Amino acid sequence: MADKEKIVAVWISGAVQGVGFRVFVQRTAERHGVNGFVRNRINGDVEALFAGTIEAVDALVGACRSGPAGARVAHLALYEPDAAVLAELPLRGFVLLPSL
């Protein structure tokens, strides 16, 4: 029986740029076998999309609540991704996208 899949968009604010947050997310995603992307937003936030098993996605979201050393996560919001964001989901793997 296959594990159930979950797709979630994540918006993270606080001191999350310039501290290696995107690389932290990418490495953690790869360790958990989660597909998706992460990118900086021009307003100083970080946006990500995670797709994988429920357990793996939940573990990645949990890791994002604290982030790497030096990060200060003030707020983490989960939301249902819209079609435009889903279109950017890679078929396999986890990628760092350019800032938006």
N, C-alpha and C. Protein backbone atom coordinates (compact mmCIF):
# COMPACT_ATOMS: atom_id res chain seq x y z
N MET A 1 0.83 -1.18 0.00
CA MET A 1 0.00 0.00 0.00
C MET A 1 0.88 1.25 0.00
N ALA A 2 0.64 2.18 -0.91
CA ALA A 2 1.43 3.39 -1.02
C ALA A 2 1.06 4.39 0.07
N ASP A 3 2.07 5.14 0.52
CA ASP A 3 1.82 6.19 1.50
C ASP A 3 0.99 7.30 0.85
N LYS A 4 0.16 7.94 1.64
CA LYS A 4 -0.63 9.06 1.13
C LYS A 4 0.28 10.25 0.88
N GLU A 5 -0.07 11.00 -0.16
CA GLU A 5 0.73 12.16 -0.56
C GLU A 5 0.11 13.46 -0.04
N LYS A 6 0.96 14.45 0.13
CA LYS A 6 0.52 15.76 0.61
C LYS A 6 1.29 16.83 -0.16
N ILE A 7 0.60 17.89 -0.55
CA ILE A 7 1.24 19.05 -1.18
C ILE A 7 0.82 20.26 -0.38
N VAL A 8 1.80 21.05 0.03
CA VAL A 8 1.50 22.24 0.82
C VAL A 8 2.45 23.37 0.41
N ALA A 9 1.90 24.57 0.37
CA ALA A 9 2.71 25.76 0.15
C ALA A 9 3.00 26.37 1.52
N VAL A 10 4.20 26.92 1.67
CA VAL A 10 4.64 27.44 2.96
C VAL A 10 5.19 28.84 2.76
N TRP A 11 4.82 29.73 3.67
CA TRP A 11 5.32 31.11 3.66
C TRP A 11 5.96 31.34 5.02
N ILE A 12 7.24 31.73 5.04
CA ILE A 12 7.98 31.87 6.28
C ILE A 12 8.51 33.30 6.38
N SER A 13 8.24 33.93 7.51
CA SER A 13 8.72 35.30 7.71
C SER A 13 9.54 35.39 8.98
N GLY A 14 10.31 36.45 9.08
CA GLY A 14 11.22 36.67 10.20
C GLY A 14 12.60 36.95 9.65
N ALA A 15 13.62 36.61 10.40
CA ALA A 15 15.00 36.75 9.93
C ALA A 15 15.36 35.44 9.22
N VAL A 16 14.93 35.33 7.97
CA VAL A 16 15.06 34.07 7.24
C VAL A 16 15.85 34.20 5.93
N GLN A 17 16.37 35.37 5.66
CA GLN A 17 17.23 35.53 4.49
C GLN A 17 18.63 35.90 4.96
N GLY A 18 19.63 35.43 4.22
CA GLY A 18 21.02 35.70 4.59
C GLY A 18 21.54 34.80 5.70
N VAL A 19 20.80 33.73 6.01
CA VAL A 19 21.20 32.81 7.08
C VAL A 19 21.29 31.36 6.59
N GLY A 20 21.20 31.15 5.28
CA GLY A 20 21.26 29.80 4.72
C GLY A 20 19.95 29.04 4.80
N PHE A 21 18.84 29.75 4.92
CA PHE A 21 17.55 29.09 5.10
C PHE A 21 17.17 28.24 3.89
N ARG A 22 17.36 28.76 2.67
CA ARG A 22 16.98 27.99 1.48
C ARG A 22 17.77 26.70 1.36
N VAL A 23 19.07 26.76 1.60
CA VAL A 23 19.89 25.55 1.51
C VAL A 23 19.50 24.57 2.62
N PHE A 24 19.21 25.09 3.80
CA PHE A 24 18.72 24.24 4.90
C PHE A 24 17.44 23.51 4.48
N VAL A 25 16.51 24.23 3.86
CA VAL A 25 15.26 23.62 3.42
C VAL A 25 15.54 22.57 2.34
N GLN A 26 16.38 22.90 1.38
CA GLN A 26 16.70 21.97 0.30
C GLN A 26 17.33 20.69 0.85
N ARG A 27 18.30 20.81 1.72
CA ARG A 27 18.96 19.61 2.27
C ARG A 27 18.01 18.78 3.11
N THR A 28 17.16 19.45 3.90
CA THR A 28 16.20 18.72 4.72
C THR A 28 15.17 18.02 3.84
N ALA A 29 14.73 18.70 2.79
CA ALA A 29 13.76 18.09 1.85
C ALA A 29 14.36 16.86 1.19
N GLU A 30 15.59 16.96 0.74
CA GLU A 30 16.24 15.83 0.09
C GLU A 30 16.40 14.66 1.06
N ARG A 31 16.72 14.94 2.32
CA ARG A 31 16.84 13.89 3.32
C ARG A 31 15.52 13.15 3.54
N HIS A 32 14.41 13.88 3.45
CA HIS A 32 13.09 13.30 3.67
C HIS A 32 12.43 12.81 2.37
N GLY A 33 13.08 13.01 1.23
CA GLY A 33 12.50 12.57 -0.03
C GLY A 33 11.33 13.41 -0.50
N VAL A 34 11.35 14.69 -0.15
CA VAL A 34 10.28 15.61 -0.52
C VAL A 34 10.65 16.34 -1.80
N ASN A 35 9.73 16.43 -2.74
CA ASN A 35 9.91 17.21 -3.96
C ASN A 35 9.41 18.63 -3.71
N GLY A 36 9.89 19.57 -4.53
CA GLY A 36 9.37 20.92 -4.42
C GLY A 36 10.40 21.97 -4.73
N PHE A 37 10.17 23.15 -4.16
CA PHE A 37 11.09 24.27 -4.37
C PHE A 37 11.06 25.20 -3.18
N VAL A 38 12.08 26.05 -3.13
CA VAL A 38 12.14 27.12 -2.13
C VAL A 38 12.75 28.34 -2.82
N ARG A 39 12.30 29.53 -2.41
CA ARG A 39 12.86 30.76 -2.97
C ARG A 39 12.66 31.90 -1.99
N ASN A 40 13.55 32.90 -2.11
CA ASN A 40 13.39 34.13 -1.36
C ASN A 40 12.34 35.00 -2.03
N ARG A 41 11.65 35.78 -1.24
CA ARG A 41 10.73 36.78 -1.76
C ARG A 41 11.36 38.15 -1.53
N ILE A 42 11.05 39.08 -2.40
CA ILE A 42 11.67 40.40 -2.34
C ILE A 42 11.36 41.13 -1.02
N ASN A 43 10.29 40.75 -0.35
CA ASN A 43 9.91 41.40 0.91
C ASN A 43 10.68 40.85 2.11
N GLY A 44 11.60 39.89 1.90
CA GLY A 44 12.39 39.33 2.99
C GLY A 44 11.90 37.99 3.50
N ASP A 45 10.77 37.52 3.00
CA ASP A 45 10.22 36.22 3.39
C ASP A 45 10.81 35.10 2.53
N VAL A 46 10.47 33.88 2.89
CA VAL A 46 10.83 32.70 2.12
C VAL A 46 9.55 31.97 1.77
N GLU A 47 9.43 31.53 0.52
CA GLU A 47 8.27 30.78 0.04
C GLU A 47 8.75 29.40 -0.39
N ALA A 48 7.94 28.38 -0.11
CA ALA A 48 8.32 27.02 -0.51
C ALA A 48 7.08 26.21 -0.87
N LEU A 49 7.30 25.16 -1.61
CA LEU A 49 6.26 24.21 -1.96
C LEU A 49 6.81 22.82 -1.71
N PHE A 50 6.10 22.02 -0.92
CA PHE A 50 6.54 20.68 -0.55
C PHE A 50 5.55 19.66 -1.04
N ALA A 51 6.04 18.56 -1.62
CA ALA A 51 5.19 17.46 -2.07
C ALA A 51 5.87 16.15 -1.71
N GLY A 52 5.13 15.29 -1.02
CA GLY A 52 5.67 14.00 -0.62
C GLY A 52 4.71 13.29 0.29
N THR A 53 5.20 12.30 1.00
CA THR A 53 4.33 11.60 1.93
C THR A 53 3.92 12.56 3.05
N ILE A 54 2.80 12.28 3.66
CA ILE A 54 2.32 13.13 4.75
C ILE A 54 3.39 13.26 5.83
N GLU A 55 3.99 12.14 6.22
CA GLU A 55 4.99 12.15 7.28
C GLU A 55 6.20 12.99 6.90
N ALA A 56 6.68 12.85 5.66
CA ALA A 56 7.86 13.58 5.22
C ALA A 56 7.59 15.08 5.13
N VAL A 57 6.45 15.45 4.56
CA VAL A 57 6.10 16.87 4.45
C VAL A 57 5.93 17.48 5.83
N ASP A 58 5.25 16.78 6.72
CA ASP A 58 5.07 17.29 8.09
C ASP A 58 6.41 17.46 8.81
N ALA A 59 7.34 16.54 8.59
CA ALA A 59 8.67 16.65 9.20
C ALA A 59 9.41 17.87 8.66
N LEU A 60 9.30 18.13 7.36
CA LEU A 60 9.95 19.28 6.75
C LEU A 60 9.34 20.59 7.26
N VAL A 61 8.03 20.64 7.35
CA VAL A 61 7.37 21.83 7.89
C VAL A 61 7.84 22.07 9.32
N GLY A 62 7.93 21.00 10.11
CA GLY A 62 8.41 21.13 11.48
C GLY A 62 9.82 21.69 11.55
N ALA A 63 10.70 21.24 10.66
CA ALA A 63 12.06 21.76 10.62
C ALA A 63 12.09 23.23 10.25
N CYS A 64 11.17 23.65 9.39
CA CYS A 64 11.11 25.05 8.96
C CYS A 64 10.65 25.98 10.08
N ARG A 65 9.99 25.44 11.08
CA ARG A 65 9.51 26.28 12.19
C ARG A 65 10.66 26.89 12.98
N SER A 66 11.83 26.25 12.94
CA SER A 66 13.00 26.83 13.61
C SER A 66 14.08 27.23 12.61
N GLY A 67 14.25 26.47 11.54
CA GLY A 67 15.24 26.80 10.51
C GLY A 67 16.65 26.53 10.97
N PRO A 68 17.63 27.02 10.21
CA PRO A 68 19.04 26.80 10.55
C PRO A 68 19.48 27.74 11.66
N ALA A 69 20.68 27.49 12.19
CA ALA A 69 21.26 28.40 13.17
C ALA A 69 21.33 29.80 12.58
N GLY A 70 20.97 30.78 13.35
CA GLY A 70 21.00 32.16 12.87
C GLY A 70 19.66 32.65 12.37
N ALA A 71 18.75 31.75 12.07
CA ALA A 71 17.41 32.15 11.59
C ALA A 71 16.51 32.43 12.79
N ARG A 72 15.57 33.34 12.59
CA ARG A 72 14.53 33.59 13.57
C ARG A 72 13.20 33.57 12.84
N VAL A 73 12.47 32.50 12.97
CA VAL A 73 11.18 32.38 12.30
C VAL A 73 10.13 33.07 13.17
N ALA A 74 9.54 34.13 12.62
CA ALA A 74 8.50 34.86 13.34
C ALA A 74 7.13 34.27 13.06
N HIS A 75 6.94 33.80 11.83
CA HIS A 75 5.63 33.28 11.43
C HIS A 75 5.81 32.27 10.29
N LEU A 76 5.08 31.19 10.37
CA LEU A 76 5.06 30.20 9.30
C LEU A 76 3.60 29.92 8.96
N ALA A 77 3.23 30.17 7.72
CA ALA A 77 1.85 29.96 7.26
C ALA A 77 1.82 28.85 6.24
N LEU A 78 0.85 27.96 6.38
CA LEU A 78 0.61 26.89 5.41
C LEU A 78 -0.65 27.23 4.64
N TYR A 79 -0.62 26.98 3.34
CA TYR A 79 -1.81 27.23 2.55
C TYR A 79 -1.86 26.26 1.38
N GLU A 80 -3.04 26.11 0.84
CA GLU A 80 -3.25 25.27 -0.35
C GLU A 80 -2.65 25.99 -1.54
N PRO A 81 -1.72 25.36 -2.26
CA PRO A 81 -1.11 26.04 -3.40
C PRO A 81 -2.10 26.24 -4.55
N ASP A 82 -1.99 27.38 -5.22
CA ASP A 82 -2.85 27.61 -6.38
C ASP A 82 -2.19 27.01 -7.62
N ALA A 83 -2.91 27.02 -8.72
CA ALA A 83 -2.44 26.37 -9.95
C ALA A 83 -1.12 26.94 -10.45
N ALA A 84 -0.91 28.26 -10.31
CA ALA A 84 0.33 28.87 -10.79
C ALA A 84 1.53 28.37 -9.99
N VAL A 85 1.38 28.21 -8.69
CA VAL A 85 2.47 27.71 -7.86
C VAL A 85 2.70 26.23 -8.15
N LEU A 86 1.64 25.47 -8.31
CA LEU A 86 1.77 24.05 -8.61
C LEU A 86 2.49 23.82 -9.94
N ALA A 87 2.31 24.73 -10.88
CA ALA A 87 2.96 24.60 -12.19
C ALA A 87 4.48 24.65 -12.06
N GLU A 88 4.99 25.23 -10.98
CA GLU A 88 6.43 25.33 -10.77
C GLU A 88 7.01 24.11 -10.05
N LEU A 89 6.16 23.20 -9.63
CA LEU A 89 6.60 22.01 -8.90
C LEU A 89 7.41 21.11 -9.82
N PRO A 90 8.67 20.82 -9.49
CA PRO A 90 9.44 19.91 -10.32
C PRO A 90 8.87 18.49 -10.21
N LEU A 91 9.00 17.74 -11.27
CA LEU A 91 8.51 16.36 -11.25
C LEU A 91 9.28 15.50 -10.26
N ARG A 92 10.55 15.80 -10.10
CA ARG A 92 11.39 15.06 -9.17
C ARG A 92 12.39 16.02 -8.54
N GLY A 93 12.70 15.77 -7.30
CA GLY A 93 13.75 16.52 -6.64
C GLY A 93 13.27 17.80 -5.98
N PHE A 94 14.24 18.53 -5.49
CA PHE A 94 13.95 19.78 -4.79
C PHE A 94 14.90 20.84 -5.31
N VAL A 95 14.39 21.99 -5.71
CA VAL A 95 15.20 23.01 -6.36
C VAL A 95 15.11 24.35 -5.64
N LEU A 96 16.18 25.11 -5.78
CA LEU A 96 16.21 26.50 -5.34
C LEU A 96 15.81 27.35 -6.54
N LEU A 97 14.76 28.12 -6.40
CA LEU A 97 14.31 29.00 -7.49
C LEU A 97 14.83 30.40 -7.26
N PRO A 98 14.94 31.20 -8.32
CA PRO A 98 15.36 32.59 -8.17
C PRO A 98 14.33 33.36 -7.32
N SER A 99 14.81 34.42 -6.70
CA SER A 99 13.93 35.27 -5.90
C SER A 99 12.81 35.85 -6.73
N LEU A 100 11.71 36.10 -6.06
CA LEU A 100 10.54 36.66 -6.74
C LEU A 100 9.97 37.79 -5.91
